[in-house]
Amino acid sequence: MKVVADLCIVPMGVGPSVSSYVKEIKAILEASHLNAEMHANGTNIEGELADICRLIELCEEKLSQLGVQRVFFTMAFSSRRDKEQSMADKLTAVS
């Protein structure tokens, strides 16, 4: 099932700045075949739901390797059954 996901990953217990961890996550997103666009508070990702879930697991594994003991994830998904719709299509529809 193709979805557009809104994902926010917050490493906890690492201090007030998480930018070094976000850079690591960004590298994983860029290496994937999925269309991902970071924004100020998270990332929009489009693709197959199973592929996005695997990508999120890779992100969590990387944070674990970096010593992060606790991670807070928020995810929201949207899908259309009547037609294919990309992130760009959604933005164009409201322009």
PDB file of N, CA and C in Angstrom:
ATOM      1  N   MET A   1       0.849  -1.167   0.000  1.00  0.00           N
ATOM      2  CA  MET A   1       0.000   0.000   0.000  1.00  0.00           C
ATOM      3  C   MET A   1       0.900   1.237   0.000  1.00  0.00           C
ATOM      4  N   LYS A   2       0.687   2.132  -0.958  1.00  0.00           N
ATOM      5  CA  LYS A   2       1.451   3.366  -1.036  1.00  0.00           C
ATOM      6  C   LYS A   2       0.860   4.386  -0.074  1.00  0.00           C
ATOM      7  N   VAL A   3       1.755   5.036   0.689  1.00  0.00           N
ATOM      8  CA  VAL A   3       1.320   6.029   1.668  1.00  0.00           C
ATOM      9  C   VAL A   3       2.250   7.236   1.628  1.00  0.00           C
ATOM     10  N   VAL A   4       1.769   8.314   2.209  1.00  0.00           N
ATOM     11  CA  VAL A   4       2.608   9.451   2.539  1.00  0.00           C
ATOM     12  C   VAL A   4       2.675   9.458   4.063  1.00  0.00           C
ATOM     13  N   ALA A   5       3.894   9.435   4.594  1.00  0.00           N
ATOM     14  CA  ALA A   5       4.095   9.381   6.037  1.00  0.00           C
ATOM     15  C   ALA A   5       4.676  10.691   6.524  1.00  0.00           C
ATOM     16  N   ASP A   6       4.300  11.063   7.722  1.00  0.00           N
ATOM     17  CA  ASP A   6       4.930  12.179   8.419  1.00  0.00           C
ATOM     18  C   ASP A   6       5.579  11.557   9.644  1.00  0.00           C
ATOM     19  N   LEU A   7       6.895  11.651   9.719  1.00  0.00           N
ATOM     20  CA  LEU A   7       7.660  10.976  10.752  1.00  0.00           C
ATOM     21  C   LEU A   7       8.475  11.977  11.548  1.00  0.00           C
ATOM     22  N   CYS A   8       8.464  11.816  12.848  1.00  0.00           N
ATOM     23  CA  CYS A   8       9.320  12.602  13.733  1.00  0.00           C
ATOM     24  C   CYS A   8      10.003  11.619  14.681  1.00  0.00           C
ATOM     25  N   ILE A   9      11.332  11.659  14.721  1.00  0.00           N
ATOM     26  CA  ILE A   9      12.119  10.792  15.593  1.00  0.00           C
ATOM     27  C   ILE A   9      12.871  11.679  16.573  1.00  0.00           C
ATOM     28  N   VAL A  10      12.686  11.430  17.867  1.00  0.00           N
ATOM     29  CA  VAL A  10      13.339  12.240  18.889  1.00  0.00           C
ATOM     30  C   VAL A  10      14.178  11.339  19.791  1.00  0.00           C
ATOM     31  N   PRO A  11      15.506  11.421  19.668  1.00  0.00           N
ATOM     32  CA  PRO A  11      16.366  10.691  20.611  1.00  0.00           C
ATOM     33  C   PRO A  11      16.221  11.335  21.994  1.00  0.00           C
ATOM     34  N   MET A  12      16.030  10.530  23.018  1.00  0.00           N
ATOM     35  CA  MET A  12      15.821  11.071  24.366  1.00  0.00           C
ATOM     36  C   MET A  12      17.036  10.787  25.240  1.00  0.00           C
ATOM     37  N   GLY A  13      17.265  11.667  26.184  1.00  0.00           N
ATOM     38  CA  GLY A  13      18.340  11.481  27.136  1.00  0.00           C
ATOM     39  C   GLY A  13      19.714  11.808  26.586  1.00  0.00           C
ATOM     40  N   VAL A  14      19.758  12.579  25.495  1.00  0.00           N
ATOM     41  CA  VAL A  14      21.045  12.897  24.865  1.00  0.00           C
ATOM     42  C   VAL A  14      21.392  14.379  24.980  1.00  0.00           C
ATOM     43  N   GLY A  15      20.614  15.123  25.729  1.00  0.00           N
ATOM     44  CA  GLY A  15      20.856  16.547  25.883  1.00  0.00           C
ATOM     45  C   GLY A  15      19.899  17.363  25.038  1.00  0.00           C
ATOM     46  N   PRO A  16      20.021  18.700  25.134  1.00  0.00           N
ATOM     47  CA  PRO A  16      19.061  19.566  24.453  1.00  0.00           C
ATOM     48  C   PRO A  16      19.197  19.602  22.939  1.00  0.00           C
ATOM     49  N   SER A  17      20.374  19.339  22.406  1.00  0.00           N
ATOM     50  CA  SER A  17      20.561  19.362  20.950  1.00  0.00           C
ATOM     51  C   SER A  17      20.592  17.935  20.411  1.00  0.00           C
ATOM     52  N   VAL A  18      19.817  17.703  19.360  1.00  0.00           N
ATOM     53  CA  VAL A  18      19.794  16.375  18.737  1.00  0.00           C
ATOM     54  C   VAL A  18      20.288  16.425  17.294  1.00  0.00           C
ATOM     55  N   SER A  19      20.880  17.552  16.888  1.00  0.00           N
ATOM     56  CA  SER A  19      21.259  17.719  15.476  1.00  0.00           C
ATOM     57  C   SER A  19      22.243  16.664  14.983  1.00  0.00           C
ATOM     58  N   SER A  20      23.172  16.235  15.817  1.00  0.00           N
ATOM     59  CA  SER A  20      24.125  15.216  15.350  1.00  0.00           C
ATOM     60  C   SER A  20      23.410  13.896  15.047  1.00  0.00           C
ATOM     61  N   TYR A  21      22.383  13.591  15.810  1.00  0.00           N
ATOM     62  CA  TYR A  21      21.603  12.378  15.567  1.00  0.00           C
ATOM     63  C   TYR A  21      20.716  12.541  14.336  1.00  0.00           C
ATOM     64  N   VAL A  22      20.151  13.720  14.162  1.00  0.00           N
ATOM     65  CA  VAL A  22      19.319  13.994  12.985  1.00  0.00           C
ATOM     66  C   VAL A  22      20.161  13.867  11.713  1.00  0.00           C
ATOM     67  N   LYS A  23      21.408  14.312  11.756  1.00  0.00           N
ATOM     68  CA  LYS A  23      22.299  14.169  10.597  1.00  0.00           C
ATOM     69  C   LYS A  23      22.484  12.704  10.230  1.00  0.00           C
ATOM     70  N   GLU A  24      22.606  11.844  11.220  1.00  0.00           N
ATOM     71  CA  GLU A  24      22.750  10.402  10.967  1.00  0.00           C
ATOM     72  C   GLU A  24      21.483   9.834  10.326  1.00  0.00           C
ATOM     73  N   ILE A  25      20.330  10.262  10.828  1.00  0.00           N
ATOM     74  CA  ILE A  25      19.048   9.819  10.262  1.00  0.00           C
ATOM     75  C   ILE A  25      18.905  10.338   8.836  1.00  0.00           C
ATOM     76  N   LYS A  26      19.293  11.592   8.614  1.00  0.00           N
ATOM     77  CA  LYS A  26      19.216  12.178   7.280  1.00  0.00           C
ATOM     78  C   LYS A  26      20.019  11.362   6.279  1.00  0.00           C
ATOM     79  N   ALA A  27      21.189  10.903   6.657  1.00  0.00           N
ATOM     80  CA  ALA A  27      22.024  10.085   5.768  1.00  0.00           C
ATOM     81  C   ALA A  27      21.326   8.775   5.399  1.00  0.00           C
ATOM     82  N   ILE A  28      20.642   8.182   6.350  1.00  0.00           N
ATOM     83  CA  ILE A  28      19.896   6.945   6.075  1.00  0.00           C
ATOM     84  C   ILE A  28      18.759   7.232   5.099  1.00  0.00           C
ATOM     85  N   LEU A  29      18.035   8.314   5.322  1.00  0.00           N
ATOM     86  CA  LEU A  29      16.934   8.678   4.429  1.00  0.00           C
ATOM     87  C   LEU A  29      17.443   8.935   3.021  1.00  0.00           C
ATOM     88  N   GLU A  30      18.561   9.649   2.899  1.00  0.00           N
ATOM     89  CA  GLU A  30      19.105   9.966   1.585  1.00  0.00           C
ATOM     90  C   GLU A  30      19.607   8.723   0.853  1.00  0.00           C
ATOM     91  N   ALA A  31      20.066   7.725   1.590  1.00  0.00           N
ATOM     92  CA  ALA A  31      20.568   6.497   0.977  1.00  0.00           C
ATOM     93  C   ALA A  31      19.442   5.564   0.529  1.00  0.00           C
ATOM     94  N   SER A  32      18.231   5.812   1.011  1.00  0.00           N
ATOM     95  CA  SER A  32      17.096   4.958   0.640  1.00  0.00           C
ATOM     96  C   SER A  32      16.583   5.340  -0.742  1.00  0.00           C
ATOM     97  N   HIS A  33      15.764   4.475  -1.311  1.00  0.00           N
ATOM     98  CA  HIS A  33      15.145   4.755  -2.611  1.00  0.00           C
ATOM     99  C   HIS A  33      13.831   5.522  -2.465  1.00  0.00           C
ATOM    100  N   LEU A  34      13.467   5.858  -1.230  1.00  0.00           N
ATOM    101  CA  LEU A  34      12.193   6.531  -0.985  1.00  0.00           C
ATOM    102  C   LEU A  34      12.331   8.046  -1.127  1.00  0.00           C
ATOM    103  N   ASN A  35      11.247   8.686  -1.524  1.00  0.00           N
ATOM    104  CA  ASN A  35      11.209  10.137  -1.600  1.00  0.00           C
ATOM    105  C   ASN A  35      10.959  10.665  -0.193  1.00  0.00           C
ATOM    106  N   ALA A  36      11.945  11.366   0.362  1.00  0.00           N
ATOM    107  CA  ALA A  36      11.838  11.899   1.717  1.00  0.00           C
ATOM    108  C   ALA A  36      12.219  13.369   1.710  1.00  0.00           C
ATOM    109  N   GLU A  37      11.398  14.167   2.365  1.00  0.00           N
ATOM    110  CA  GLU A  37      11.651  15.602   2.458  1.00  0.00           C
ATOM    111  C   GLU A  37      11.604  16.018   3.921  1.00  0.00           C
ATOM    112  N   MET A  38      12.761  16.438   4.436  1.00  0.00           N
ATOM    113  CA  MET A  38      12.810  16.902   5.818  1.00  0.00           C
ATOM    114  C   MET A  38      12.165  18.278   5.926  1.00  0.00           C
ATOM    115  N   HIS A  39      11.545  18.522   7.070  1.00  0.00           N
ATOM    116  CA  HIS A  39      11.025  19.846   7.404  1.00  0.00           C
ATOM    117  C   HIS A  39      11.443  20.153   8.835  1.00  0.00           C
ATOM    118  N   ALA A  40      11.073  21.280   9.339  1.00  0.00           N
ATOM    119  CA  ALA A  40      11.594  21.748  10.628  1.00  0.00           C
ATOM    120  C   ALA A  40      11.336  20.795  11.790  1.00  0.00           C
ATOM    121  N   ASN A  41      10.253  20.041  11.741  1.00  0.00           N
ATOM    122  CA  ASN A  41       9.898  19.172  12.861  1.00  0.00           C
ATOM    123  C   ASN A  41       9.769  17.709  12.500  1.00  0.00           C
ATOM    124  N   GLY A  42      10.361  17.301  11.392  1.00  0.00           N
ATOM    125  CA  GLY A  42      10.265  15.904  11.008  1.00  0.00           C
ATOM    126  C   GLY A  42      10.545  15.713   9.535  1.00  0.00           C
ATOM    127  N   THR A  43       9.970  14.652   8.993  1.00  0.00           N
ATOM    128  CA  THR A  43      10.211  14.279   7.603  1.00  0.00           C
ATOM    129  C   THR A  43       8.946  13.709   6.989  1.00  0.00           C
ATOM    130  N   ASN A  44       8.654  14.119   5.756  1.00  0.00           N
ATOM    131  CA  ASN A  44       7.603  13.482   4.970  1.00  0.00           C
ATOM    132  C   ASN A  44       8.274  12.450   4.079  1.00  0.00           C
ATOM    133  N   ILE A  45       7.677  11.266   4.004  1.00  0.00           N
ATOM    134  CA  ILE A  45       8.220  10.170   3.201  1.00  0.00           C
ATOM    135  C   ILE A  45       7.080   9.582   2.401  1.00  0.00           C
ATOM    136  N   GLU A  46       7.325   9.304   1.104  1.00  0.00           N
ATOM    137  CA  GLU A  46       6.297   8.614   0.333  1.00  0.00           C
ATOM    138  C   GLU A  46       6.864   7.308  -0.197  1.00  0.00           C
ATOM    139  N   GLY A  47       6.007   6.295  -0.193  1.00  0.00           N
ATOM    140  CA  GLY A  47       6.410   4.990  -0.679  1.00  0.00           C
ATOM    141  C   GLY A  47       5.488   3.916  -0.152  1.00  0.00           C
ATOM    142  N   GLU A  48       5.909   2.693  -0.354  1.00  0.00           N
ATOM    143  CA  GLU A  48       5.138   1.566   0.171  1.00  0.00           C
ATOM    144  C   GLU A  48       5.276   1.536   1.692  1.00  0.00           C
ATOM    145  N   LEU A  49       4.162   1.258   2.371  1.00  0.00           N
ATOM    146  CA  LEU A  49       4.146   1.256   3.832  1.00  0.00           C
ATOM    147  C   LEU A  49       5.221   0.330   4.402  1.00  0.00           C
ATOM    148  N   ALA A  50       5.368  -0.850   3.848  1.00  0.00           N
ATOM    149  CA  ALA A  50       6.363  -1.802   4.351  1.00  0.00           C
ATOM    150  C   ALA A  50       7.780  -1.255   4.205  1.00  0.00           C
ATOM    151  N   ASP A  51       8.057  -0.568   3.096  1.00  0.00           N
ATOM    152  CA  ASP A  51       9.380   0.012   2.882  1.00  0.00           C
ATOM    153  C   ASP A  51       9.660   1.134   3.886  1.00  0.00           C
ATOM    154  N   ILE A  52       8.645   1.937   4.163  1.00  0.00           N
ATOM    155  CA  ILE A  52       8.805   3.019   5.134  1.00  0.00           C
ATOM    156  C   ILE A  52       9.053   2.440   6.523  1.00  0.00           C
ATOM    157  N   CYS A  53       8.329   1.401   6.879  1.00  0.00           N
ATOM    158  CA  CYS A  53       8.523   0.772   8.188  1.00  0.00           C
ATOM    159  C   CYS A  53       9.932   0.189   8.308  1.00  0.00           C
ATOM    160  N   ARG A  54      10.450  -0.420   7.238  1.00  0.00           N
ATOM    161  CA  ARG A  54      11.831  -0.929   7.260  1.00  0.00           C
ATOM    162  C   ARG A  54      12.824   0.217   7.432  1.00  0.00           C
ATOM    163  N   LEU A  55      12.570   1.326   6.763  1.00  0.00           N
ATOM    164  CA  LEU A  55      13.438   2.488   6.879  1.00  0.00           C
ATOM    165  C   LEU A  55      13.457   3.019   8.318  1.00  0.00           C
ATOM    166  N   ILE A  56      12.308   3.057   8.948  1.00  0.00           N
ATOM    167  CA  ILE A  56      12.219   3.512  10.333  1.00  0.00           C
ATOM    168  C   ILE A  56      13.006   2.571  11.252  1.00  0.00           C
ATOM    169  N   GLU A  57      12.934   1.277  10.990  1.00  0.00           N
ATOM    170  CA  GLU A  57      13.725   0.323  11.779  1.00  0.00           C
ATOM    171  C   GLU A  57      15.215   0.585  11.623  1.00  0.00           C
ATOM    172  N   LEU A  58      15.663   0.902  10.410  1.00  0.00           N
ATOM    173  CA  LEU A  58      17.076   1.230  10.190  1.00  0.00           C
ATOM    174  C   LEU A  58      17.482   2.459  10.994  1.00  0.00           C
ATOM    175  N   CYS A  59      16.602   3.445  11.039  1.00  0.00           N
ATOM    176  CA  CYS A  59      16.878   4.662  11.811  1.00  0.00           C
ATOM    177  C   CYS A  59      17.009   4.330  13.296  1.00  0.00           C
ATOM    178  N   GLU A  60      16.119   3.520  13.807  1.00  0.00           N
ATOM    179  CA  GLU A  60      16.166   3.144  15.222  1.00  0.00           C
ATOM    180  C   GLU A  60      17.427   2.343  15.524  1.00  0.00           C
ATOM    181  N   GLU A  61      17.798   1.428  14.617  1.00  0.00           N
ATOM    182  CA  GLU A  61      19.014   0.638  14.808  1.00  0.00           C
ATOM    183  C   GLU A  61      20.249   1.535  14.854  1.00  0.00           C
ATOM    184  N   LYS A  62      20.303   2.535  13.979  1.00  0.00           N
ATOM    185  CA  LYS A  62      21.443   3.457  13.949  1.00  0.00           C
ATOM    186  C   LYS A  62      21.538   4.223  15.262  1.00  0.00           C
ATOM    187  N   LEU A  63      20.409   4.716  15.753  1.00  0.00           N
ATOM    188  CA  LEU A  63      20.423   5.440  17.014  1.00  0.00           C
ATOM    189  C   LEU A  63      20.887   4.541  18.155  1.00  0.00           C
ATOM    190  N   SER A  64      20.477   3.292  18.140  1.00  0.00           N
ATOM    191  CA  SER A  64      20.925   2.336  19.149  1.00  0.00           C
ATOM    192  C   SER A  64      22.439   2.151  19.075  1.00  0.00           C
ATOM    193  N   GLN A  65      22.976   2.041  17.856  1.00  0.00           N
ATOM    194  CA  GLN A  65      24.429   1.908  17.679  1.00  0.00           C
ATOM    195  C   GLN A  65      25.171   3.129  18.217  1.00  0.00           C
ATOM    196  N   LEU A  66      24.522   4.287  18.162  1.00  0.00           N
ATOM    197  CA  LEU A  66      25.127   5.524  18.651  1.00  0.00           C
ATOM    198  C   LEU A  66      24.963   5.700  20.162  1.00  0.00           C
ATOM    199  N   GLY A  67      24.350   4.716  20.811  1.00  0.00           N
ATOM    200  CA  GLY A  67      24.217   4.738  22.258  1.00  0.00           C
ATOM    201  C   GLY A  67      22.931   5.328  22.796  1.00  0.00           C
ATOM    202  N   VAL A  68      22.006   5.654  21.908  1.00  0.00           N
ATOM    203  CA  VAL A  68      20.728   6.210  22.365  1.00  0.00           C
ATOM    204  C   VAL A  68      19.906   5.068  22.969  1.00  0.00           C
ATOM    205  N   GLN A  69      19.487   5.262  24.214  1.00  0.00           N
ATOM    206  CA  GLN A  69      18.753   4.221  24.936  1.00  0.00           C
ATOM    207  C   GLN A  69      17.243   4.336  24.811  1.00  0.00           C
ATOM    208  N   ARG A  70      16.774   5.528  24.425  1.00  0.00           N
ATOM    209  CA  ARG A  70      15.326   5.738  24.332  1.00  0.00           C
ATOM    210  C   ARG A  70      15.041   6.657  23.157  1.00  0.00           C
ATOM    211  N   VAL A  71      14.034   6.290  22.367  1.00  0.00           N
ATOM    212  CA  VAL A  71      13.662   7.068  21.185  1.00  0.00           C
ATOM    213  C   VAL A  71      12.147   7.244  21.187  1.00  0.00           C
ATOM    214  N   PHE A  72      11.697   8.460  20.917  1.00  0.00           N
ATOM    215  CA  PHE A  72      10.266   8.750  20.811  1.00  0.00           C
ATOM    216  C   PHE A  72       9.943   8.977  19.336  1.00  0.00           C
ATOM    217  N   PHE A  73       9.012   8.195  18.815  1.00  0.00           N
ATOM    218  CA  PHE A  73       8.592   8.289  17.417  1.00  0.00           C
ATOM    219  C   PHE A  73       7.157   8.777  17.357  1.00  0.00           C
ATOM    220  N   THR A  74       6.867   9.681  16.424  1.00  0.00           N
ATOM    221  CA  THR A  74       5.487   9.967  16.065  1.00  0.00           C
ATOM    222  C   THR A  74       5.381   9.754  14.564  1.00  0.00           C
ATOM    223  N   MET A  75       4.294   9.101  14.159  1.00  0.00           N
ATOM    224  CA  MET A  75       4.078   8.816  12.745  1.00  0.00           C
ATOM    225  C   MET A  75       2.616   9.023  12.407  1.00  0.00           C
ATOM    226  N   ALA A  76       2.400   9.597  11.254  1.00  0.00           N
ATOM    227  CA  ALA A  76       1.043   9.729  10.724  1.00  0.00           C
ATOM    228  C   ALA A  76       1.120   9.295   9.257  1.00  0.00           C
ATOM    229  N   PHE A  77       0.125   8.567   8.799  1.00  0.00           N
ATOM    230  CA  PHE A  77       0.102   8.068   7.433  1.00  0.00           C
ATOM    231  C   PHE A  77      -1.178   8.493   6.737  1.00  0.00           C
ATOM    232  N   SER A  78      -1.065   8.767   5.444  1.00  0.00           N
ATOM    233  CA  SER A  78      -2.260   8.983   4.634  1.00  0.00           C
ATOM    234  C   SER A  78      -2.129   8.148   3.376  1.00  0.00           C
ATOM    235  N   SER A  79      -3.265   7.692   2.884  1.00  0.00           N
ATOM    236  CA  SER A  79      -3.260   6.904   1.644  1.00  0.00           C
ATOM    237  C   SER A  79      -4.516   7.206   0.846  1.00  0.00           C
ATOM    238  N   ARG A  80      -4.435   6.944  -0.437  1.00  0.00           N
ATOM    239  CA  ARG A  80      -5.592   7.079  -1.330  1.00  0.00           C
ATOM    240  C   ARG A  80      -5.773   5.750  -2.031  1.00  0.00           C
ATOM    241  N   ARG A  81      -6.981   5.267  -2.100  1.00  0.00           N
ATOM    242  CA  ARG A  81      -7.291   4.044  -2.846  1.00  0.00           C
ATOM    243  C   ARG A  81      -7.850   4.375  -4.228  1.00  0.00           C
ATOM    244  N   ASP A  82      -8.397   5.591  -4.383  1.00  0.00           N
ATOM    245  CA  ASP A  82      -9.048   5.941  -5.641  1.00  0.00           C
ATOM    246  C   ASP A  82      -8.063   6.414  -6.707  1.00  0.00           C
ATOM    247  N   LYS A  83      -6.859   6.887  -6.292  1.00  0.00           N
ATOM    248  CA  LYS A  83      -5.855   7.339  -7.252  1.00  0.00           C
ATOM    249  C   LYS A  83      -4.510   7.436  -6.552  1.00  0.00           C
ATOM    250  N   GLU A  84      -3.445   7.428  -7.351  1.00  0.00           N
ATOM    251  CA  GLU A  84      -2.124   7.662  -6.780  1.00  0.00           C
ATOM    252  C   GLU A  84      -1.960   9.142  -6.516  1.00  0.00           C
ATOM    253  N   GLN A  85      -1.336   9.467  -5.397  1.00  0.00           N
ATOM    254  CA  GLN A  85      -1.148  10.864  -5.038  1.00  0.00           C
ATOM    255  C   GLN A  85       0.195  11.019  -4.344  1.00  0.00           C
ATOM    256  N   SER A  86       1.026  11.891  -4.878  1.00  0.00           N
ATOM    257  CA  SER A  86       2.342  12.143  -4.295  1.00  0.00           C
ATOM    258  C   SER A  86       2.261  13.308  -3.314  1.00  0.00           C
ATOM    259  N   MET A  87       3.366  13.529  -2.606  1.00  0.00           N
ATOM    260  CA  MET A  87       3.430  14.687  -1.717  1.00  0.00           C
ATOM    261  C   MET A  87       3.255  15.968  -2.518  1.00  0.00           C
ATOM    262  N   ALA A  88       3.893  16.036  -3.684  1.00  0.00           N
ATOM    263  CA  ALA A  88       3.775  17.214  -4.542  1.00  0.00           C
ATOM    264  C   ALA A  88       2.332  17.429  -4.988  1.00  0.00           C
ATOM    265  N   ASP A  89       1.635  16.339  -5.345  1.00  0.00           N
ATOM    266  CA  ASP A  89       0.227  16.454  -5.731  1.00  0.00           C
ATOM    267  C   ASP A  89      -0.614  17.063  -4.617  1.00  0.00           C
ATOM    268  N   LYS A  90      -0.358  16.637  -3.389  1.00  0.00           N
ATOM    269  CA  LYS A  90      -1.129  17.135  -2.255  1.00  0.00           C
ATOM    270  C   LYS A  90      -0.907  18.640  -2.080  1.00  0.00           C
ATOM    271  N   LEU A  91       0.324  19.081  -2.232  1.00  0.00           N
ATOM    272  CA  LEU A  91       0.614  20.506  -2.081  1.00  0.00           C
ATOM    273  C   LEU A  91       0.031  21.320  -3.230  1.00  0.00           C
ATOM    274  N   THR A  92       0.086  20.777  -4.424  1.00  0.00           N
ATOM    275  CA  THR A  92      -0.479  21.461  -5.583  1.00  0.00           C
ATOM    276  C   THR A  92      -1.974  21.641  -5.450  1.00  0.00           C
ATOM    277  N   ALA A  93      -2.636  20.665  -4.856  1.00  0.00           N
ATOM    278  CA  ALA A  93      -4.090  20.714  -4.699  1.00  0.00           C
ATOM    279  C   ALA A  93      -4.557  21.865  -3.813  1.00  0.00           C
ATOM    280  N   VAL A  94      -3.690  22.355  -2.962  1.00  0.00           N
ATOM    281  CA  VAL A  94      -4.090  23.452  -2.065  1.00  0.00           C
ATOM    282  C   VAL A  94      -3.421  24.774  -2.416  1.00  0.00           C
ATOM    283  N   SER A  95      -2.714  24.808  -3.523  1.00  0.00           N
ATOM    284  CA  SER A  95      -2.056  26.065  -3.963  1.00  0.00           C
ATOM    285  C   SER A  95      -3.028  26.960  -4.697  1.00  0.00           C
TER     286      SER A  95
END
